[in-house]
Amino acid sequence: MEKLHLPIIIDVDEDGYYIVSCPVFKGCHSYGETIDEALENIKEVIEMCLEETKVEELNKFVGFREMEVALNA
């Protein structure tokens, strides 16, 4: 079985829920009360996205960078 390695971005919202996104698919987001729950949920969403999108048509994820900006305090 061929495996696909996909980038996942995890954030925490103001209510403490973990928000997960897979940037190679448009609109591929989910959430959970724990990281494990959020990851399990995004896996289901990714499987649905793969039913509609060919691997060759995936968005190209370049990477993650951190940027420094000054605060106007």
Protein backbone atom coordinates (compact mmCIF):
# COMPACT_ATOMS: atom_id res chain seq x y z
CA MET A 1 0.00 0.00 0.00
CA GLU A 2 1.37 3.39 -1.02
CA LYS A 3 1.56 5.96 1.76
CA LEU A 4 1.28 9.72 1.50
CA HIS A 5 3.07 12.01 3.95
CA LEU A 6 1.12 15.24 4.43
CA PRO A 7 1.82 18.41 6.42
CA ILE A 8 -0.57 19.16 9.27
CA ILE A 9 -0.88 22.51 11.04
CA ILE A 10 -2.23 22.54 14.62
CA ASP A 11 -3.54 25.65 16.39
CA VAL A 12 -5.50 26.20 19.59
CA ASP A 13 -8.57 28.44 19.44
CA GLU A 14 -9.87 30.79 22.14
CA ASP A 15 -12.04 28.00 23.60
CA GLY A 16 -9.11 25.58 23.94
CA TYR A 17 -10.05 23.37 20.98
CA TYR A 18 -7.29 22.08 18.73
CA ILE A 19 -7.81 23.21 15.14
CA VAL A 20 -6.00 21.13 12.51
CA SER A 21 -5.52 21.89 8.84
CA CYS A 22 -3.89 20.12 5.92
CA PRO A 23 -2.70 22.87 3.56
CA VAL A 24 -2.35 20.64 0.50
CA PHE A 25 -6.16 20.48 0.26
CA LYS A 26 -8.43 23.51 -0.01
CA GLY A 27 -10.77 23.71 2.97
CA CYS A 28 -9.28 20.70 4.77
CA HIS A 29 -9.81 21.57 8.43
CA SER A 30 -11.14 19.87 11.54
CA TYR A 31 -10.92 20.16 15.31
CA GLY A 32 -10.99 18.23 18.56
CA GLU A 33 -10.89 18.66 22.32
CA THR A 34 -7.50 16.90 22.38
CA ILE A 35 -4.68 16.73 19.85
CA ASP A 36 -5.33 13.01 19.34
CA GLU A 37 -9.03 13.63 18.66
CA ALA A 38 -8.21 16.47 16.26
CA LEU A 39 -5.69 14.32 14.38
CA GLU A 40 -8.16 11.45 14.11
CA ASN A 41 -10.79 13.87 12.78
CA ILE A 42 -8.46 15.43 10.19
CA LYS A 43 -7.51 11.95 9.00
CA GLU A 44 -11.17 11.33 8.13
CA VAL A 45 -11.40 14.70 6.33
CA ILE A 46 -8.20 13.96 4.37
CA GLU A 47 -9.64 10.59 3.30
CA MET A 48 -12.74 12.41 1.99
CA CYS A 49 -10.56 14.96 0.19
CA LEU A 50 -8.54 12.17 -1.43
CA GLU A 51 -11.76 10.73 -2.87
CA GLU A 52 -12.26 13.98 -4.80
CA THR A 53 -8.67 15.04 -5.56
CA LYS A 54 -5.96 13.21 -7.47
CA VAL A 55 -2.55 13.13 -5.79
CA GLU A 56 -1.07 14.92 -8.81
CA GLU A 57 -3.50 17.84 -8.26
CA LEU A 58 -2.59 18.54 -4.62
CA ASN A 59 -1.53 22.05 -3.63
CA LYS A 60 2.23 22.37 -3.22
CA PHE A 61 3.10 22.98 0.42
CA VAL A 62 6.41 24.82 0.56
CA GLY A 63 7.00 24.86 4.28
CA PHE A 64 6.63 26.74 7.52
CA ARG A 65 8.54 29.87 8.44
CA GLU A 66 8.56 32.15 11.42
CA MET A 67 8.57 35.90 10.89
CA GLU A 68 9.58 38.55 13.42
CA VAL A 69 7.45 41.69 13.62
CA ALA A 70 7.64 44.62 16.01
CA LEU A 71 4.82 45.20 18.48
CA ASN A 72 3.50 48.73 18.79
CA ALA A 73 3.16 48.78 22.56
